């Protein structure tokens, strides 16, 4: 990775996102960390978006926040609402949102310069949507 001498690394953010495969609608949050409380917030947004009778199938990697006690407690309040499909380790290419993240990293995020983490969060979410 090439950097100029003025480049100052200001940190990283985690993108929590999902994509509706039928409509292409993207749910996206840029957070300081990928924690259970943030992940359940994303699940709540997804839950509110769809009609109550719909079953939501989520394709997920093996991140600990996806199966944490807090996440499982949230899912228990909505029995049958979410169905998890876990991708195998080293199978990120099976998860469509991971493919979108890869495309982001190879295109518009590669040469991005921002002044703050807040600006980085806004640019990531804006480009996803």
C-alpha atoms as a PDB file:
ATOM      1  CA  UNK A   1       0.000   0.000   0.000  1.00  0.00           C
ATOM      2  CA  UNK A   2       1.447   3.308  -0.994  1.00  0.00           C
ATOM      3  CA  UNK A   3       1.250   6.224   1.408  1.00  0.00           C
ATOM      4  CA  UNK A   4       2.549   9.709   1.097  1.00  0.00           C
ATOM      5  CA  UNK A   5       4.694  11.152   3.879  1.00  0.00           C
ATOM      6  CA  UNK A   6       1.847  13.362   5.146  1.00  0.00           C
ATOM      7  CA  UNK A   7      -0.488  10.401   5.720  1.00  0.00           C
ATOM      8  CA  UNK A   8      -1.602  10.092   9.331  1.00  0.00           C
ATOM      9  CA  UNK A   9      -3.490   6.965  10.298  1.00  0.00           C
ATOM     10  CA  UNK A  10      -6.484   8.042  12.370  1.00  0.00           C
ATOM     11  CA  UNK A  11      -7.925   4.578  13.055  1.00  0.00           C
ATOM     12  CA  UNK A  12     -10.359   2.127  11.570  1.00  0.00           C
ATOM     13  CA  UNK A  13     -14.076   1.478  11.772  1.00  0.00           C
ATOM     14  CA  UNK A  14     -16.196  -1.626  11.418  1.00  0.00           C
ATOM     15  CA  UNK A  15     -18.978  -1.740   8.872  1.00  0.00           C
ATOM     16  CA  UNK A  16     -21.971  -3.774   9.970  1.00  0.00           C
ATOM     17  CA  UNK A  17     -24.184  -4.332   6.971  1.00  0.00           C
ATOM     18  CA  UNK A  18     -26.737  -6.513   5.327  1.00  0.00           C
ATOM     19  CA  UNK A  19     -28.258  -6.648   1.877  1.00  0.00           C
ATOM     20  CA  UNK A  20     -31.717  -7.699   0.763  1.00  0.00           C
ATOM     21  CA  UNK A  21     -31.042  -9.981  -2.190  1.00  0.00           C
ATOM     22  CA  UNK A  22     -34.437  -9.316  -3.783  1.00  0.00           C
ATOM     23  CA  UNK A  23     -34.519  -5.526  -3.676  1.00  0.00           C
ATOM     24  CA  UNK A  24     -30.834  -4.653  -3.244  1.00  0.00           C
ATOM     25  CA  UNK A  25     -31.668  -2.569  -0.162  1.00  0.00           C
ATOM     26  CA  UNK A  26     -28.602  -2.216   2.059  1.00  0.00           C
ATOM     27  CA  UNK A  27     -28.683  -1.830   5.832  1.00  0.00           C
ATOM     28  CA  UNK A  28     -25.424  -0.267   6.982  1.00  0.00           C
ATOM     29  CA  UNK A  29     -23.868   1.024  10.189  1.00  0.00           C
ATOM     30  CA  UNK A  30     -20.284   2.203  10.595  1.00  0.00           C
ATOM     31  CA  UNK A  31     -19.168   1.624  14.173  1.00  0.00           C
ATOM     32  CA  UNK A  32     -15.996   1.996  16.192  1.00  0.00           C
ATOM     33  CA  UNK A  33     -16.105  -1.687  17.091  1.00  0.00           C
ATOM     34  CA  UNK A  34     -18.026  -4.791  16.040  1.00  0.00           C
ATOM     35  CA  UNK A  35     -19.773  -5.585  19.314  1.00  0.00           C
ATOM     36  CA  UNK A  36     -22.912  -7.527  20.184  1.00  0.00           C
ATOM     37  CA  UNK A  37     -24.841  -4.401  21.148  1.00  0.00           C
ATOM     38  CA  UNK A  38     -24.130  -2.834  17.747  1.00  0.00           C
ATOM     39  CA  UNK A  39     -24.941  -6.064  15.917  1.00  0.00           C
ATOM     40  CA  UNK A  40     -28.275  -6.444  17.712  1.00  0.00           C
ATOM     41  CA  UNK A  41     -28.991  -2.824  16.756  1.00  0.00           C
ATOM     42  CA  UNK A  42     -28.560  -3.803  13.111  1.00  0.00           C
ATOM     43  CA  UNK A  43     -30.828  -6.830  13.640  1.00  0.00           C
ATOM     44  CA  UNK A  44     -33.466  -4.558  15.206  1.00  0.00           C
ATOM     45  CA  UNK A  45     -33.352  -2.287  12.149  1.00  0.00           C
ATOM     46  CA  UNK A  46     -33.711  -5.273   9.825  1.00  0.00           C
ATOM     47  CA  UNK A  47     -36.524  -6.688  11.981  1.00  0.00           C
ATOM     48  CA  UNK A  48     -38.453  -3.392  11.819  1.00  0.00           C
ATOM     49  CA  UNK A  49     -38.032  -3.153   8.025  1.00  0.00           C
ATOM     50  CA  UNK A  50     -39.847  -6.400   7.158  1.00  0.00           C
ATOM     51  CA  UNK A  51     -43.448  -7.424   7.822  1.00  0.00           C
ATOM     52  CA  UNK A  52     -43.888  -9.326  11.119  1.00  0.00           C
ATOM     53  CA  UNK A  53     -44.788 -12.592   9.372  1.00  0.00           C
ATOM     54  CA  UNK A  54     -41.607 -12.669   7.225  1.00  0.00           C
ATOM     55  CA  UNK A  55     -38.751 -15.022   8.050  1.00  0.00           C
ATOM     56  CA  UNK A  56     -35.397 -13.283   7.793  1.00  0.00           C
ATOM     57  CA  UNK A  57     -32.536 -15.483   6.613  1.00  0.00           C
ATOM     58  CA  UNK A  58     -29.162 -14.064   7.555  1.00  0.00           C
ATOM     59  CA  UNK A  59     -25.933 -15.288   5.963  1.00  0.00           C
ATOM     60  CA  UNK A  60     -23.184 -14.658   8.523  1.00  0.00           C
ATOM     61  CA  UNK A  61     -19.530 -15.345   9.112  1.00  0.00           C
ATOM     62  CA  UNK A  62     -18.298 -16.789  12.405  1.00  0.00           C
ATOM     63  CA  UNK A  63     -17.768 -13.505  14.260  1.00  0.00           C
ATOM     64  CA  UNK A  64     -18.380 -13.877  18.000  1.00  0.00           C
ATOM     65  CA  UNK A  65     -20.966 -11.067  18.136  1.00  0.00           C
ATOM     66  CA  UNK A  66     -23.245 -13.079  15.850  1.00  0.00           C
ATOM     67  CA  UNK A  67     -23.641 -15.822  18.472  1.00  0.00           C
ATOM     68  CA  UNK A  68     -22.985 -13.959  21.720  1.00  0.00           C
ATOM     69  CA  UNK A  69     -25.236 -14.251  24.766  1.00  0.00           C
ATOM     70  CA  UNK A  70     -26.658 -10.784  24.064  1.00  0.00           C
ATOM     71  CA  UNK A  71     -27.427 -11.666  20.443  1.00  0.00           C
ATOM     72  CA  UNK A  72     -28.985 -15.003  21.405  1.00  0.00           C
ATOM     73  CA  UNK A  73     -31.121 -13.236  24.034  1.00  0.00           C
ATOM     74  CA  UNK A  74     -32.327 -10.790  21.361  1.00  0.00           C
ATOM     75  CA  UNK A  75     -33.134 -13.630  18.950  1.00  0.00           C
ATOM     76  CA  UNK A  76     -35.030 -15.469  21.723  1.00  0.00           C
ATOM     77  CA  UNK A  77     -37.430 -12.506  21.915  1.00  0.00           C
ATOM     78  CA  UNK A  78     -38.314 -13.142  18.253  1.00  0.00           C
ATOM     79  CA  UNK A  79     -38.618 -16.938  17.913  1.00  0.00           C
ATOM     80  CA  UNK A  80     -38.636 -18.135  14.304  1.00  0.00           C
ATOM     81  CA  UNK A  81     -38.044 -14.641  12.927  1.00  0.00           C
ATOM     82  CA  UNK A  82     -34.365 -15.041  12.033  1.00  0.00           C
ATOM     83  CA  UNK A  83     -32.734 -18.057  10.429  1.00  0.00           C
ATOM     84  CA  UNK A  84     -28.948 -18.074  10.508  1.00  0.00           C
ATOM     85  CA  UNK A  85     -26.814 -19.557   7.758  1.00  0.00           C
ATOM     86  CA  UNK A  86     -23.134 -19.542   8.725  1.00  0.00           C
ATOM     87  CA  UNK A  87     -20.497 -19.496   6.021  1.00  0.00           C
ATOM     88  CA  UNK A  88     -17.489 -21.755   6.540  1.00  0.00           C
ATOM     89  CA  UNK A  89     -14.214 -20.260   7.699  1.00  0.00           C
ATOM     90  CA  UNK A  90     -12.319 -18.811   4.739  1.00  0.00           C
ATOM     91  CA  UNK A  91     -15.584 -18.704   2.764  1.00  0.00           C
ATOM     92  CA  UNK A  92     -16.252 -14.972   2.777  1.00  0.00           C
ATOM     93  CA  UNK A  93     -16.905 -15.105  -0.964  1.00  0.00           C
ATOM     94  CA  UNK A  94     -20.139 -16.992  -0.113  1.00  0.00           C
ATOM     95  CA  UNK A  95     -21.492 -13.931   1.692  1.00  0.00           C
ATOM     96  CA  UNK A  96     -22.662 -11.260  -0.759  1.00  0.00           C
ATOM     97  CA  UNK A  97     -22.132  -8.338   1.633  1.00  0.00           C
ATOM     98  CA  UNK A  98     -18.503  -9.464   2.103  1.00  0.00           C
ATOM     99  CA  UNK A  99     -18.134  -9.230  -1.686  1.00  0.00           C
ATOM    100  CA  UNK A 100     -19.463  -5.656  -1.490  1.00  0.00           C
ATOM    101  CA  UNK A 101     -16.913  -4.875   1.252  1.00  0.00           C
ATOM    102  CA  UNK A 102     -14.136  -6.276  -0.943  1.00  0.00           C
ATOM    103  CA  UNK A 103     -15.249  -4.113  -3.859  1.00  0.00           C
ATOM    104  CA  UNK A 104     -15.294  -1.057  -1.565  1.00  0.00           C
ATOM    105  CA  UNK A 105     -11.748  -1.755  -0.390  1.00  0.00           C
ATOM    106  CA  UNK A 106     -10.486  -2.157  -3.960  1.00  0.00           C
ATOM    107  CA  UNK A 107     -12.191   0.946  -5.342  1.00  0.00           C
ATOM    108  CA  UNK A 108     -13.250   4.043  -3.451  1.00  0.00           C
ATOM    109  CA  UNK A 109     -11.681   3.249  -0.050  1.00  0.00           C
ATOM    110  CA  UNK A 110      -8.247   2.507  -1.465  1.00  0.00           C
ATOM    111  CA  UNK A 111      -7.173   6.122  -1.879  1.00  0.00           C
ATOM    112  CA  UNK A 112      -9.513   7.824   0.542  1.00  0.00           C
ATOM    113  CA  UNK A 113      -8.166  10.604   2.763  1.00  0.00           C
ATOM    114  CA  UNK A 114     -10.288  11.786   5.688  1.00  0.00           C
ATOM    115  CA  UNK A 115      -9.718  14.146   8.591  1.00  0.00           C
ATOM    116  CA  UNK A 116     -11.547  12.139  11.261  1.00  0.00           C
ATOM    117  CA  UNK A 117     -13.170   8.804  12.104  1.00  0.00           C
ATOM    118  CA  UNK A 118     -16.599  10.450  11.845  1.00  0.00           C
ATOM    119  CA  UNK A 119     -15.854  11.524   8.282  1.00  0.00           C
ATOM    120  CA  UNK A 120     -14.679   7.979   7.473  1.00  0.00           C
ATOM    121  CA  UNK A 121     -17.891   6.495   8.916  1.00  0.00           C
ATOM    122  CA  UNK A 122     -20.054   8.855   6.894  1.00  0.00           C
ATOM    123  CA  UNK A 123     -18.173   8.178   3.653  1.00  0.00           C
ATOM    124  CA  UNK A 124     -18.408   4.404   4.096  1.00  0.00           C
ATOM    125  CA  UNK A 125     -22.113   4.343   4.838  1.00  0.00           C
ATOM    126  CA  UNK A 126     -22.888   6.907   2.107  1.00  0.00           C
ATOM    127  CA  UNK A 127     -20.988   4.866  -0.491  1.00  0.00           C
ATOM    128  CA  UNK A 128     -22.740   1.654   0.537  1.00  0.00           C
ATOM    129  CA  UNK A 129     -26.157   3.221   0.223  1.00  0.00           C
END
